[in-house]
Protein backbone atom coordinates (compact mmCIF):
# COMPACT_ATOMS: atom_id res chain seq x y z
CA UNK A 1 0.00 0.00 0.00
CA UNK A 2 3.13 2.23 -0.26
CA UNK A 3 2.77 2.98 -3.96
CA UNK A 4 0.01 5.58 -3.63
CA UNK A 5 1.17 7.92 -6.38
CA UNK A 6 1.65 5.05 -8.86
CA UNK A 7 -1.92 3.79 -8.35
CA UNK A 8 -3.27 7.35 -8.55
CA UNK A 9 -1.34 7.90 -11.79
CA UNK A 10 -2.72 4.64 -13.21
CA UNK A 11 -6.27 5.63 -12.27
CA UNK A 12 -5.87 8.98 -14.03
CA UNK A 13 -4.48 7.21 -17.11
CA UNK A 14 -7.42 4.82 -17.06
CA UNK A 15 -9.85 7.74 -16.94
CA UNK A 16 -8.06 9.15 -19.97
CA UNK A 17 -8.92 5.93 -21.80
CA UNK A 18 -6.01 3.55 -21.18
CA UNK A 19 -7.60 0.14 -20.34
CA UNK A 20 -4.21 -1.38 -19.46
CA UNK A 21 -3.72 1.28 -16.79
CA UNK A 22 -6.98 0.31 -15.06
CA UNK A 23 -5.98 -3.37 -15.15
CA UNK A 24 -2.63 -2.58 -13.53
CA UNK A 25 -4.17 -0.30 -10.88
CA UNK A 26 -6.71 -2.97 -9.97
CA UNK A 27 -4.01 -5.64 -9.86
CA UNK A 28 -1.96 -3.57 -7.43
CA UNK A 29 -4.98 -2.73 -5.27
CA UNK A 30 -6.23 -6.34 -5.32
CA UNK A 31 -2.96 -7.64 -3.89
CA UNK A 32 -2.95 -4.99 -1.16
CA UNK A 33 -6.60 -5.55 -0.28
CA UNK A 34 -6.05 -9.31 -0.17
CA UNK A 35 -3.30 -8.87 2.42
CA UNK A 36 -5.51 -6.53 4.47
CA UNK A 37 -8.50 -8.88 4.24
CA UNK A 38 -6.38 -11.77 5.46
CA UNK A 39 -5.21 -9.75 8.45
CA UNK A 40 -8.77 -8.63 9.18
CA UNK A 41 -10.12 -12.17 9.09
CA UNK A 42 -7.31 -13.42 11.35
CA UNK A 43 -8.27 -10.74 13.89
CA UNK A 44 -11.94 -11.75 13.73
CA UNK A 45 -11.70 -15.50 14.13
CA UNK A 46 -15.48 -15.77 14.47
CA UNK A 47 -15.78 -15.02 10.74
CA UNK A 48 -15.35 -18.59 9.56
CA UNK A 49 -17.48 -18.41 6.43
CA UNK A 50 -15.18 -16.21 4.34
CA UNK A 51 -11.59 -16.54 3.22
CA UNK A 52 -9.52 -13.47 2.42
CA UNK A 53 -9.87 -14.28 -1.28
CA UNK A 54 -13.65 -14.63 -0.99
CA UNK A 55 -13.91 -11.37 0.95
CA UNK A 56 -11.85 -9.43 -1.58
CA UNK A 57 -13.60 -11.07 -4.55
CA UNK A 58 -17.06 -10.29 -3.20
CA UNK A 59 -16.01 -6.72 -2.43
CA UNK A 60 -14.51 -6.49 -5.93
CA UNK A 61 -17.83 -7.57 -7.42
CA UNK A 62 -19.68 -4.98 -5.35
CA UNK A 63 -17.34 -2.26 -6.60
CA UNK A 64 -17.08 -3.36 -10.25
CA UNK A 65 -20.23 -5.43 -10.71
CA UNK A 66 -22.42 -2.50 -11.71
CA UNK A 67 -22.69 -1.00 -15.12
CA UNK A 68 -20.52 1.87 -16.19
CA UNK A 69 -16.90 2.65 -15.47
CA UNK A 70 -16.36 4.07 -11.99
CA UNK A 71 -14.16 7.15 -11.75
CA UNK A 72 -11.85 7.49 -8.77
CA UNK A 73 -10.02 10.66 -7.88
CA UNK A 74 -7.03 8.79 -6.45
CA UNK A 75 -5.88 5.67 -4.63
CA UNK A 76 -7.42 6.91 -1.37
CA UNK A 77 -10.83 7.26 -2.97
CA UNK A 78 -10.60 3.74 -4.41
CA UNK A 79 -9.45 2.42 -1.03
CA UNK A 80 -12.42 4.06 0.70
CA UNK A 81 -14.84 2.50 -1.78
CA UNK A 82 -13.19 -0.89 -1.32
CA UNK A 83 -13.33 -0.57 2.49
CA UNK A 84 -17.04 0.14 2.33
CA UNK A 85 -17.59 -2.84 0.02
CA UNK A 86 -15.62 -5.13 2.37
CA UNK A 87 -17.68 -3.85 5.28
CA UNK A 88 -20.90 -4.63 3.41
CA UNK A 89 -19.69 -8.16 2.57
CA UNK A 90 -18.81 -8.86 6.21
CA UNK A 91 -22.13 -7.44 7.40
CA UNK A 92 -24.05 -9.51 4.85
CA UNK A 93 -22.20 -12.66 5.97
CA UNK A 94 -23.01 -11.91 9.61
CA UNK A 95 -26.66 -11.31 8.81
CA UNK A 96 -26.84 -14.64 6.97
CA UNK A 97 -25.39 -16.40 10.01
CA UNK A 98 -27.80 -14.62 12.33
CA UNK A 99 -30.72 -15.69 10.18
CA UNK A 100 -30.03 -19.29 11.20
CA UNK A 101 -32.71 -21.00 13.25
CA UNK A 102 -30.56 -21.27 16.37
CA UNK A 103 -27.79 -18.68 16.34
CA UNK A 104 -24.79 -19.61 18.46
CA UNK A 105 -22.45 -17.51 20.58
CA UNK A 106 -19.93 -17.90 17.74
CA UNK A 107 -22.20 -15.72 15.61
CA UNK A 108 -21.00 -12.71 17.56
CA UNK A 109 -17.69 -11.05 16.86
CA UNK A 110 -15.31 -9.13 19.05
CA UNK A 111 -14.31 -5.80 17.65
CA UNK A 112 -10.66 -6.11 18.53
CA UNK A 113 -9.76 -2.78 16.94
CA UNK A 114 -12.31 -0.96 19.11
CA UNK A 115 -11.74 -3.17 22.16
CA UNK A 116 -10.23 -0.34 24.19
CA UNK A 117 -13.57 1.43 24.08
CA UNK A 118 -16.00 -1.49 24.02
CA UNK A 119 -16.45 -3.94 26.86
CA UNK A 120 -18.51 -6.65 25.14
CA UNK A 121 -18.88 -8.52 21.86
CA UNK A 122 -20.76 -6.72 19.12
CA UNK A 123 -22.28 -8.23 15.99
CA UNK A 124 -21.85 -6.86 12.49
CA UNK A 125 -25.56 -6.09 12.14
CA UNK A 126 -25.50 -3.79 15.18
CA UNK A 127 -22.26 -2.24 13.98
CA UNK A 128 -23.77 -1.67 10.52
CA UNK A 129 -26.73 0.19 12.00
CA UNK A 130 -24.44 2.35 14.11
CA UNK A 131 -22.13 3.07 11.17
CA UNK A 132 -25.09 4.06 9.00
CA UNK A 133 -26.20 6.47 11.73
CA UNK A 134 -22.65 7.79 12.14
CA UNK A 135 -22.41 8.29 8.39
CA UNK A 136 -25.43 10.60 8.57
CA UNK A 137 -23.79 12.58 11.37
CA UNK A 138 -20.16 12.57 10.22
CA UNK A 139 -19.26 10.76 6.98
CA UNK A 140 -15.53 11.28 7.53
CA UNK A 141 -15.63 9.53 10.92
CA UNK A 142 -17.63 6.65 9.43
CA UNK A 143 -15.05 6.32 6.65
CA UNK A 144 -12.21 6.31 9.18
CA UNK A 145 -13.92 3.56 11.19
CA UNK A 146 -14.45 1.51 8.02
CA UNK A 147 -10.85 1.91 6.91
CA UNK A 148 -9.49 1.21 10.37
CA UNK A 149 -11.69 -1.72 11.34
CA UNK A 150 -12.69 -3.38 8.08
CA UNK A 151 -9.50 -2.82 6.11
CA UNK A 152 -7.04 -2.63 9.03
CA UNK A 153 -5.23 0.53 8.00
CA UNK A 154 -3.11 2.51 10.45
CA UNK A 155 -3.79 6.17 11.23
CA UNK A 156 -0.91 7.15 8.94
CA UNK A 157 -2.24 5.05 6.05
CA UNK A 158 -5.75 6.48 6.51
CA UNK A 159 -4.36 10.02 6.66
CA UNK A 160 -2.47 9.44 3.43
CA UNK A 161 -5.49 7.89 1.71
CA UNK A 162 -7.86 10.65 2.82
CA UNK A 163 -5.48 13.57 2.43
CA UNK A 164 -5.67 14.64 6.09
CA UNK A 165 -3.16 14.63 8.92
CA UNK A 166 -2.56 11.61 11.16
CA UNK A 167 -3.48 13.78 14.16
CA UNK A 168 -6.87 14.48 12.58
CA UNK A 169 -7.38 10.78 11.93
CA UNK A 170 -6.52 9.94 15.55
CA UNK A 171 -8.82 12.67 16.89
CA UNK A 172 -11.70 11.59 14.64
CA UNK A 173 -11.04 7.93 15.53
CA UNK A 174 -11.29 8.71 19.28
CA UNK A 175 -14.55 10.59 18.75
CA UNK A 176 -16.03 7.86 16.53
CA UNK A 177 -14.92 5.14 18.94
CA UNK A 178 -16.57 6.91 21.90
CA UNK A 179 -19.74 7.44 19.89
CA UNK A 180 -19.79 3.79 18.80
CA UNK A 181 -19.30 2.63 22.38
CA UNK A 182 -22.26 4.68 23.56
CA UNK A 183 -24.48 3.55 20.71
CA UNK A 184 -23.55 -0.13 20.89
CA UNK A 185 -23.96 -0.31 24.66
CA UNK A 186 -27.14 1.75 24.78
């Protein structure tokens, strides 16, 4: 995920009509997202139904499955869209598990990335509702939570992707984490 300017350059070339540039940008992003998905799934051992490849592939289909050619401003924009798609895939998988006749304790996940603020397990469905509400209040905070929790990016990586300072990311993360704790416990 260190080659931000190269991916951004490829995305701009693709928008100018170079189909090979889009292929290369997606290849580079796919490899990076696959590594992040693997790390995310290892952190959330309760997610047994998806492999890293399946998570990235389903997110890929969500991003590219529609008609038309999406236009991204830069690598950070593409990363944000991919993070949201991965979040939706994980939430959909959790909802499918919860729809089972007799849900088990294993159907709940621990939000290890937010564990400093949360004192109990939270399921993806509850998190999805809270993130949708947070997105209405502060879209930037919701995006930071998605990139931090669902993609596993550091504050520095998020800052670079969003074009803001790491201090701003950390401040927004603390605010979002406190808000999530209140909403998920209330």
